[in-house]
Amino acid sequence: MSKTGREEKGFTLIEILIVIVILSILAWQLAPRIMGKPEEAKQVRAQMDIATLETTLKMFKLDNGFYPSTEQGLQALVEPPTIGRPAPKWREGGYLEKGKVPKDPWDYEYIYLCPGVYSDFDLSSYGADGEPGGEGPDSDINNWELE
């Protein structure tokens, strides 16, 4: 307690400096690991996008009893399909939060096939080069290969 009879709350200058030093050390250790691998980060983001799109497609199927066809594409997740089989219970506002189909981290469209060759539907990103196949940053990311 202070002389006025009240407890003073807050941090001392020493405590703040210690926290700043600890955070600086952590940033110094972690930044090179994160900043040095932007292509790996893009691949992880593409995997996450594909997993999200898979879940969204499953919600579409739960509502309508079928997956959108290849011709209807992923656009059927943001607006009711106008070609092919109608979606009578299409969800008002769509299935994707931002109201548009995302592009992969390399600014290409995701590849969607339904029926798929490997599963009910196939969903892929062709990687940095935008072409099928490839290695490293150019390697394809496919829903049937994700865990």
N, C-alpha and C. Protein backbone atom coordinates (compact mmCIF):
# COMPACT_ATOMS: atom_id res chain seq x y z
N MET A 1 0.84 -1.18 0.00
CA MET A 1 0.00 0.00 0.00
C MET A 1 0.88 1.24 0.00
N SER A 2 0.39 2.26 -0.66
CA SER A 2 1.13 3.51 -0.70
C SER A 2 0.77 4.36 0.52
N LYS A 3 1.40 5.49 0.65
CA LYS A 3 1.16 6.38 1.78
C LYS A 3 -0.27 6.88 1.82
N THR A 4 -0.95 6.93 0.67
CA THR A 4 -2.32 7.44 0.62
C THR A 4 -3.33 6.37 1.02
N GLY A 5 -2.88 5.13 1.24
CA GLY A 5 -3.78 4.07 1.65
C GLY A 5 -4.37 3.30 0.48
N ARG A 6 -3.97 3.60 -0.73
CA ARG A 6 -4.48 2.88 -1.90
C ARG A 6 -3.38 2.03 -2.49
N GLU A 7 -3.78 0.91 -3.07
CA GLU A 7 -2.83 0.10 -3.81
C GLU A 7 -2.68 0.68 -5.19
N GLU A 8 -1.45 0.80 -5.63
CA GLU A 8 -1.22 1.28 -6.99
C GLU A 8 -1.00 0.07 -7.88
N LYS A 9 -1.71 0.06 -9.01
CA LYS A 9 -1.60 -1.05 -9.94
C LYS A 9 -0.88 -0.58 -11.19
N GLY A 10 -0.16 -1.51 -11.80
CA GLY A 10 0.54 -1.19 -13.04
C GLY A 10 1.87 -1.89 -13.07
N PHE A 11 2.63 -1.61 -14.12
CA PHE A 11 3.93 -2.22 -14.30
C PHE A 11 5.02 -1.20 -14.05
N THR A 12 6.12 -1.66 -13.51
CA THR A 12 7.26 -0.78 -13.34
C THR A 12 8.02 -0.70 -14.65
N LEU A 13 8.87 0.27 -14.75
CA LEU A 13 9.68 0.43 -15.97
C LEU A 13 10.56 -0.80 -16.19
N ILE A 14 11.10 -1.36 -15.14
CA ILE A 14 11.94 -2.56 -15.24
C ILE A 14 11.14 -3.73 -15.82
N GLU A 15 9.92 -3.94 -15.34
CA GLU A 15 9.09 -5.04 -15.83
C GLU A 15 8.80 -4.86 -17.32
N ILE A 16 8.49 -3.67 -17.73
CA ILE A 16 8.21 -3.39 -19.14
C ILE A 16 9.45 -3.63 -19.99
N LEU A 17 10.61 -3.20 -19.52
CA LEU A 17 11.85 -3.42 -20.27
C LEU A 17 12.16 -4.91 -20.39
N ILE A 18 11.92 -5.69 -19.35
CA ILE A 18 12.17 -7.13 -19.40
C ILE A 18 11.28 -7.78 -20.45
N VAL A 19 10.00 -7.40 -20.48
CA VAL A 19 9.08 -7.96 -21.48
C VAL A 19 9.53 -7.58 -22.89
N ILE A 20 9.96 -6.35 -23.08
CA ILE A 20 10.42 -5.90 -24.41
C ILE A 20 11.65 -6.70 -24.83
N VAL A 21 12.57 -6.94 -23.92
CA VAL A 21 13.77 -7.72 -24.24
C VAL A 21 13.39 -9.15 -24.61
N ILE A 22 12.49 -9.77 -23.85
CA ILE A 22 12.07 -11.14 -24.14
C ILE A 22 11.39 -11.22 -25.51
N LEU A 23 10.49 -10.29 -25.79
CA LEU A 23 9.81 -10.28 -27.10
C LEU A 23 10.80 -10.04 -28.23
N SER A 24 11.80 -9.19 -28.01
CA SER A 24 12.81 -8.93 -29.04
C SER A 24 13.62 -10.18 -29.34
N ILE A 25 13.98 -10.92 -28.28
CA ILE A 25 14.75 -12.16 -28.47
C ILE A 25 13.91 -13.16 -29.26
N LEU A 26 12.63 -13.31 -28.89
CA LEU A 26 11.76 -14.24 -29.61
C LEU A 26 11.63 -13.83 -31.08
N ALA A 27 11.40 -12.55 -31.33
CA ALA A 27 11.27 -12.07 -32.71
C ALA A 27 12.56 -12.30 -33.48
N TRP A 28 13.69 -12.08 -32.85
CA TRP A 28 14.98 -12.27 -33.50
C TRP A 28 15.20 -13.73 -33.88
N GLN A 29 14.71 -14.66 -33.04
CA GLN A 29 14.86 -16.08 -33.31
C GLN A 29 13.85 -16.59 -34.35
N LEU A 30 12.60 -16.11 -34.30
CA LEU A 30 11.55 -16.65 -35.14
C LEU A 30 11.41 -15.97 -36.49
N ALA A 31 11.71 -14.70 -36.59
CA ALA A 31 11.50 -13.96 -37.84
C ALA A 31 12.22 -14.58 -39.03
N PRO A 32 13.50 -14.95 -38.90
CA PRO A 32 14.17 -15.55 -40.07
C PRO A 32 13.52 -16.85 -40.53
N ARG A 33 12.99 -17.61 -39.59
CA ARG A 33 12.35 -18.87 -39.95
C ARG A 33 11.06 -18.63 -40.72
N ILE A 34 10.31 -17.65 -40.31
CA ILE A 34 9.02 -17.36 -40.96
C ILE A 34 9.24 -16.59 -42.25
N MET A 35 10.07 -15.59 -42.22
CA MET A 35 10.27 -14.72 -43.37
C MET A 35 11.03 -15.41 -44.49
N GLY A 36 11.83 -16.40 -44.18
CA GLY A 36 12.64 -17.06 -45.19
C GLY A 36 11.90 -18.12 -45.99
N LYS A 37 10.63 -18.35 -45.70
CA LYS A 37 9.91 -19.42 -46.37
C LYS A 37 8.54 -18.97 -46.87
N PRO A 38 8.48 -17.93 -47.68
CA PRO A 38 7.17 -17.46 -48.14
C PRO A 38 6.45 -18.48 -49.04
N GLU A 39 7.20 -19.28 -49.79
CA GLU A 39 6.55 -20.27 -50.66
C GLU A 39 5.89 -21.38 -49.83
N GLU A 40 6.54 -21.77 -48.74
CA GLU A 40 5.93 -22.76 -47.86
C GLU A 40 4.65 -22.20 -47.24
N ALA A 41 4.69 -20.94 -46.87
CA ALA A 41 3.50 -20.30 -46.30
C ALA A 41 2.36 -20.28 -47.31
N LYS A 42 2.67 -20.05 -48.57
CA LYS A 42 1.64 -20.05 -49.61
C LYS A 42 1.05 -21.45 -49.80
N GLN A 43 1.90 -22.46 -49.73
CA GLN A 43 1.41 -23.84 -49.87
C GLN A 43 0.49 -24.20 -48.71
N VAL A 44 0.85 -23.77 -47.51
CA VAL A 44 0.00 -24.03 -46.34
C VAL A 44 -1.33 -23.30 -46.50
N ARG A 45 -1.29 -22.06 -46.98
CA ARG A 45 -2.53 -21.32 -47.18
C ARG A 45 -3.42 -22.00 -48.22
N ALA A 46 -2.83 -22.51 -49.29
CA ALA A 46 -3.61 -23.22 -50.31
C ALA A 46 -4.25 -24.47 -49.71
N GLN A 47 -3.52 -25.19 -48.88
CA GLN A 47 -4.08 -26.38 -48.22
C GLN A 47 -5.27 -25.99 -47.34
N MET A 48 -5.12 -24.88 -46.61
CA MET A 48 -6.22 -24.43 -45.74
C MET A 48 -7.42 -23.98 -46.57
N ASP A 49 -7.17 -23.27 -47.66
CA ASP A 49 -8.27 -22.85 -48.54
C ASP A 49 -9.01 -24.06 -49.09
N ILE A 50 -8.26 -25.07 -49.53
CA ILE A 50 -8.88 -26.27 -50.09
C ILE A 50 -9.72 -26.98 -49.03
N ALA A 51 -9.20 -27.07 -47.80
CA ALA A 51 -9.97 -27.69 -46.72
C ALA A 51 -11.24 -26.91 -46.44
N THR A 52 -11.17 -25.59 -46.47
CA THR A 52 -12.35 -24.75 -46.25
C THR A 52 -13.36 -24.93 -47.38
N LEU A 53 -12.87 -24.95 -48.61
CA LEU A 53 -13.77 -25.16 -49.75
C LEU A 53 -14.43 -26.53 -49.70
N GLU A 54 -13.69 -27.55 -49.26
CA GLU A 54 -14.27 -28.89 -49.11
C GLU A 54 -15.44 -28.85 -48.12
N THR A 55 -15.23 -28.20 -46.99
CA THR A 55 -16.29 -28.11 -45.97
C THR A 55 -17.49 -27.35 -46.53
N THR A 56 -17.23 -26.29 -47.26
CA THR A 56 -18.30 -25.48 -47.84
C THR A 56 -19.08 -26.29 -48.88
N LEU A 57 -18.37 -27.06 -49.69
CA LEU A 57 -19.04 -27.92 -50.68
C LEU A 57 -19.92 -28.96 -49.99
N LYS A 58 -19.45 -29.49 -48.87
CA LYS A 58 -20.24 -30.46 -48.12
C LYS A 58 -21.51 -29.82 -47.55
N MET A 59 -21.42 -28.55 -47.11
CA MET A 59 -22.62 -27.84 -46.65
C MET A 59 -23.61 -27.66 -47.80
N PHE A 60 -23.09 -27.31 -48.99
CA PHE A 60 -23.94 -27.19 -50.17
C PHE A 60 -24.67 -28.50 -50.42
N LYS A 61 -23.93 -29.62 -50.34
CA LYS A 61 -24.55 -30.92 -50.58
C LYS A 61 -25.60 -31.25 -49.52
N LEU A 62 -25.33 -30.93 -48.27
CA LEU A 62 -26.31 -31.18 -47.21
C LEU A 62 -27.61 -30.43 -47.48
N ASP A 63 -27.49 -29.20 -47.97
CA ASP A 63 -28.69 -28.40 -48.26
C ASP A 63 -29.41 -28.87 -49.51
N ASN A 64 -28.67 -29.25 -50.54
CA ASN A 64 -29.27 -29.49 -51.86
C ASN A 64 -29.25 -30.93 -52.34
N GLY A 65 -28.53 -31.80 -51.65
CA GLY A 65 -28.53 -33.22 -52.01
C GLY A 65 -27.53 -33.60 -53.08
N PHE A 66 -26.71 -32.67 -53.54
CA PHE A 66 -25.70 -32.95 -54.56
C PHE A 66 -24.59 -31.90 -54.48
N TYR A 67 -23.43 -32.24 -55.03
CA TYR A 67 -22.35 -31.26 -55.17
C TYR A 67 -22.57 -30.50 -56.47
N PRO A 68 -22.12 -29.24 -56.54
CA PRO A 68 -22.20 -28.54 -57.83
C PRO A 68 -21.43 -29.30 -58.90
N SER A 69 -21.93 -29.28 -60.11
CA SER A 69 -21.23 -29.94 -61.22
C SER A 69 -19.99 -29.13 -61.60
N THR A 70 -19.16 -29.74 -62.43
CA THR A 70 -17.98 -29.02 -62.93
C THR A 70 -18.41 -27.74 -63.64
N GLU A 71 -19.50 -27.83 -64.43
CA GLU A 71 -19.97 -26.65 -65.18
C GLU A 71 -20.46 -25.56 -64.22
N GLN A 72 -21.13 -25.94 -63.15
CA GLN A 72 -21.59 -24.96 -62.17
C GLN A 72 -20.41 -24.39 -61.39
N GLY A 73 -19.44 -25.21 -61.14
CA GLY A 73 -18.20 -24.79 -60.50
C GLY A 73 -18.36 -24.27 -59.08
N LEU A 74 -17.27 -23.72 -58.58
CA LEU A 74 -17.27 -23.16 -57.23
C LEU A 74 -18.13 -21.91 -57.14
N GLN A 75 -18.46 -21.33 -58.28
CA GLN A 75 -19.33 -20.14 -58.29
C GLN A 75 -20.70 -20.46 -57.69
N ALA A 76 -21.09 -21.74 -57.72
CA ALA A 76 -22.37 -22.15 -57.13
C ALA A 76 -22.38 -21.95 -55.61
N LEU A 77 -21.21 -21.69 -55.04
CA LEU A 77 -21.14 -21.43 -53.60
C LEU A 77 -21.44 -19.98 -53.26
N VAL A 78 -21.40 -19.10 -54.26
CA VAL A 78 -21.67 -17.68 -54.00
C VAL A 78 -22.92 -17.15 -54.67
N GLU A 79 -23.43 -17.89 -55.66
CA GLU A 79 -24.70 -17.50 -56.29
C GLU A 79 -25.42 -18.75 -56.76
N PRO A 80 -26.74 -18.74 -56.73
CA PRO A 80 -27.48 -19.94 -57.13
C PRO A 80 -27.12 -20.36 -58.56
N PRO A 81 -26.93 -21.65 -58.78
CA PRO A 81 -26.57 -22.12 -60.13
C PRO A 81 -27.66 -21.77 -61.15
N THR A 82 -27.23 -21.31 -62.31
CA THR A 82 -28.17 -20.99 -63.38
C THR A 82 -28.11 -22.01 -64.52
N ILE A 83 -27.11 -22.89 -64.48
CA ILE A 83 -27.01 -23.96 -65.47
C ILE A 83 -27.05 -25.29 -64.76
N GLY A 84 -27.40 -26.33 -65.46
CA GLY A 84 -27.42 -27.66 -64.87
C GLY A 84 -28.53 -27.81 -63.83
N ARG A 85 -28.31 -28.69 -62.93
CA ARG A 85 -29.29 -29.03 -61.90
C ARG A 85 -29.56 -27.84 -60.97
N PRO A 86 -30.82 -27.48 -60.75
CA PRO A 86 -31.12 -26.37 -59.85
C PRO A 86 -30.87 -26.76 -58.38
N ALA A 87 -30.56 -25.78 -57.56
CA ALA A 87 -30.31 -25.99 -56.13
C ALA A 87 -31.48 -25.37 -55.36
N PRO A 88 -32.54 -26.16 -55.11
CA PRO A 88 -33.76 -25.61 -54.53
C PRO A 88 -33.61 -25.07 -53.11
N LYS A 89 -32.64 -25.58 -52.37
CA LYS A 89 -32.46 -25.12 -51.00
C LYS A 89 -31.15 -24.36 -50.84
N TRP A 90 -30.78 -23.66 -51.90
CA TRP A 90 -29.54 -22.87 -51.86
C TRP A 90 -29.64 -21.87 -50.72
N ARG A 91 -28.61 -21.76 -49.95
CA ARG A 91 -28.58 -20.93 -48.75
C ARG A 91 -28.55 -19.44 -49.10
N GLU A 92 -29.51 -18.69 -48.57
CA GLU A 92 -29.55 -17.23 -48.78
C GLU A 92 -28.23 -16.60 -48.34
N GLY A 93 -27.60 -15.83 -49.21
CA GLY A 93 -26.32 -15.21 -48.90
C GLY A 93 -25.13 -16.05 -49.33
N GLY A 94 -25.38 -17.27 -49.76
CA GLY A 94 -24.31 -18.13 -50.24
C GLY A 94 -23.61 -18.90 -49.15
N TYR A 95 -22.56 -19.57 -49.54
CA TYR A 95 -21.83 -20.46 -48.65
C TYR A 95 -20.45 -19.94 -48.27
N LEU A 96 -19.99 -18.93 -48.97
CA LEU A 96 -18.68 -18.37 -48.66
C LEU A 96 -18.85 -17.00 -48.02
N GLU A 97 -18.14 -16.80 -46.93
CA GLU A 97 -18.32 -15.62 -46.11
C GLU A 97 -18.13 -14.30 -46.86
N LYS A 98 -17.15 -14.19 -47.68
CA LYS A 98 -16.87 -12.92 -48.35
C LYS A 98 -17.66 -12.73 -49.64
N GLY A 99 -18.48 -13.72 -49.99
CA GLY A 99 -19.32 -13.58 -51.17
C GLY A 99 -18.59 -13.72 -52.49
N LYS A 100 -17.37 -14.28 -52.46
CA LYS A 100 -16.65 -14.54 -53.70
C LYS A 100 -15.77 -15.76 -53.52
N VAL A 101 -15.50 -16.43 -54.62
CA VAL A 101 -14.65 -17.61 -54.59
C VAL A 101 -13.20 -17.14 -54.49
N PRO A 102 -12.45 -17.64 -53.50
CA PRO A 102 -11.06 -17.18 -53.38
C PRO A 102 -10.19 -17.74 -54.49
N LYS A 103 -9.12 -17.02 -54.79
CA LYS A 103 -8.09 -17.53 -55.70
C LYS A 103 -7.01 -18.14 -54.84
N ASP A 104 -6.19 -18.98 -55.44
CA ASP A 104 -5.10 -19.58 -54.68
C ASP A 104 -4.05 -18.50 -54.37
N PRO A 105 -3.08 -18.80 -53.52
CA PRO A 105 -2.10 -17.79 -53.12
C PRO A 105 -1.25 -17.23 -54.27
N TRP A 106 -1.26 -17.89 -55.41
CA TRP A 106 -0.51 -17.43 -56.57
C TRP A 106 -1.42 -16.69 -57.56
N ASP A 107 -2.64 -16.41 -57.14
CA ASP A 107 -3.64 -15.65 -57.89
C ASP A 107 -4.21 -16.42 -59.09
N TYR A 108 -4.26 -17.75 -58.97
CA TYR A 108 -4.92 -18.60 -59.97
C TYR A 108 -6.23 -19.11 -59.39
N GLU A 109 -7.14 -19.50 -60.28
CA GLU A 109 -8.39 -20.11 -59.84
C GLU A 109 -8.11 -21.52 -59.33
N TYR A 110 -8.85 -21.95 -58.31
CA TYR A 110 -8.77 -23.34 -57.88
C TYR A 110 -9.43 -24.21 -58.94
N ILE A 111 -8.92 -25.40 -59.16
CA ILE A 111 -9.44 -26.33 -60.15
C ILE A 111 -10.47 -27.22 -59.45
N TYR A 112 -11.69 -27.28 -60.01
CA TYR A 112 -12.77 -28.06 -59.41
C TYR A 112 -13.37 -28.99 -60.45
N LEU A 113 -13.45 -30.28 -60.13
CA LEU A 113 -14.09 -31.28 -61.00
C LEU A 113 -15.09 -32.08 -60.19
N CYS A 114 -16.30 -32.19 -60.72
CA CYS A 114 -17.32 -33.01 -60.06
C CYS A 114 -18.20 -33.64 -61.13
N PRO A 115 -18.27 -34.95 -61.22
CA PRO A 115 -17.63 -35.89 -60.31
C PRO A 115 -16.12 -35.91 -60.51
N GLY A 116 -15.42 -36.21 -59.43
CA GLY A 116 -13.97 -36.22 -59.48
C GLY A 116 -13.41 -37.56 -59.90
N VAL A 117 -12.15 -37.57 -60.20
CA VAL A 117 -11.44 -38.79 -60.56
C VAL A 117 -11.04 -39.55 -59.29
N TYR A 118 -10.70 -38.81 -58.23
CA TYR A 118 -10.18 -39.41 -57.01
C TYR A 118 -11.20 -39.48 -55.87
N SER A 119 -12.24 -38.65 -55.92
CA SER A 119 -13.26 -38.64 -54.87
C SER A 119 -14.55 -38.07 -55.47
N ASP A 120 -15.53 -37.77 -54.63
CA ASP A 120 -16.78 -37.20 -55.14
C ASP A 120 -16.52 -35.95 -55.97
N PHE A 121 -15.54 -35.17 -55.52
CA PHE A 121 -15.09 -34.00 -56.28
C PHE A 121 -13.59 -33.86 -56.08
N ASP A 122 -12.92 -33.32 -57.06
CA ASP A 122 -11.49 -33.06 -56.98
C ASP A 122 -11.29 -31.54 -56.93
N LEU A 123 -10.44 -31.13 -56.03
CA LEU A 123 -10.16 -29.70 -55.84
C LEU A 123 -8.64 -29.55 -55.77
N SER A 124 -8.09 -28.66 -56.61
CA SER A 124 -6.63 -28.54 -56.70
C SER A 124 -6.19 -27.11 -56.89
N SER A 125 -4.93 -26.88 -56.52
CA SER A 125 -4.18 -25.69 -56.91
C SER A 125 -2.94 -26.22 -57.62
N TYR A 126 -2.59 -25.62 -58.73
CA TYR A 126 -1.44 -26.08 -59.48
C TYR A 126 -0.12 -25.47 -59.00
N GLY A 127 -0.15 -24.73 -57.91
CA GLY A 127 1.07 -24.17 -57.34
C GLY A 127 1.54 -22.91 -58.05
N ALA A 128 2.79 -22.56 -57.80
CA ALA A 128 3.34 -21.28 -58.25
C ALA A 128 3.33 -21.11 -59.77
N ASP A 129 3.53 -22.20 -60.51
CA ASP A 129 3.60 -22.07 -61.97
C ASP A 129 2.23 -22.12 -62.65
N GLY A 130 1.19 -22.50 -61.91
CA GLY A 130 -0.15 -22.56 -62.49
C GLY A 130 -0.34 -23.68 -63.50
N GLU A 131 0.59 -24.62 -63.56
CA GLU A 131 0.55 -25.74 -64.50
C GLU A 131 0.49 -27.06 -63.74
N PRO A 132 -0.19 -28.08 -64.28
CA PRO A 132 -0.22 -29.37 -63.60
C PRO A 132 1.19 -29.95 -63.42
N GLY A 133 1.39 -30.65 -62.30
CA GLY A 133 2.68 -31.26 -62.02
C GLY A 133 3.65 -30.26 -61.43
N GLY A 134 4.87 -30.65 -61.35
CA GLY A 134 5.90 -29.76 -60.83
C GLY A 134 6.40 -30.21 -59.47
N GLU A 135 7.47 -29.58 -59.03
CA GLU A 135 8.09 -29.90 -57.76
C GLU A 135 8.33 -28.62 -56.97
N GLY A 136 8.54 -28.79 -55.66
CA GLY A 136 8.80 -27.63 -54.81
C GLY A 136 7.63 -26.67 -54.84
N PRO A 137 7.89 -25.39 -55.05
CA PRO A 137 6.80 -24.40 -55.05
C PRO A 137 5.82 -24.59 -56.22
N ASP A 138 6.24 -25.31 -57.25
CA ASP A 138 5.37 -25.56 -58.41
C ASP A 138 4.50 -26.81 -58.24
N SER A 139 4.67 -27.54 -57.13
CA SER A 139 3.92 -28.79 -56.96
C SER A 139 2.44 -28.53 -56.73
N ASP A 140 1.63 -29.47 -57.20
CA ASP A 140 0.19 -29.36 -57.07
C ASP A 140 -0.25 -29.66 -55.63
N ILE A 141 -1.33 -29.02 -55.22
CA ILE A 141 -1.93 -29.28 -53.93
C ILE A 141 -3.34 -29.79 -54.22
N ASN A 142 -3.61 -31.02 -53.82
CA ASN A 142 -4.87 -31.70 -54.16
C ASN A 142 -5.63 -32.13 -52.92
N ASN A 143 -6.96 -32.00 -52.96
CA ASN A 143 -7.76 -32.38 -51.79
C ASN A 143 -7.64 -33.85 -51.44
N TRP A 144 -7.48 -34.73 -52.41
CA TRP A 144 -7.42 -36.15 -52.12
C TRP A 144 -6.09 -36.57 -51.51
N GLU A 145 -5.12 -35.67 -51.51
CA GLU A 145 -3.82 -35.98 -50.90
C GLU A 145 -3.67 -35.36 -49.52
N LEU A 146 -4.60 -34.50 -49.12
CA LEU A 146 -4.51 -33.85 -47.82
C LEU A 146 -5.07 -34.76 -46.75
N GLU A 147 -4.55 -34.64 -45.55
CA GLU A 147 -5.04 -35.47 -44.44
C GLU A 147 -6.24 -34.86 -43.79
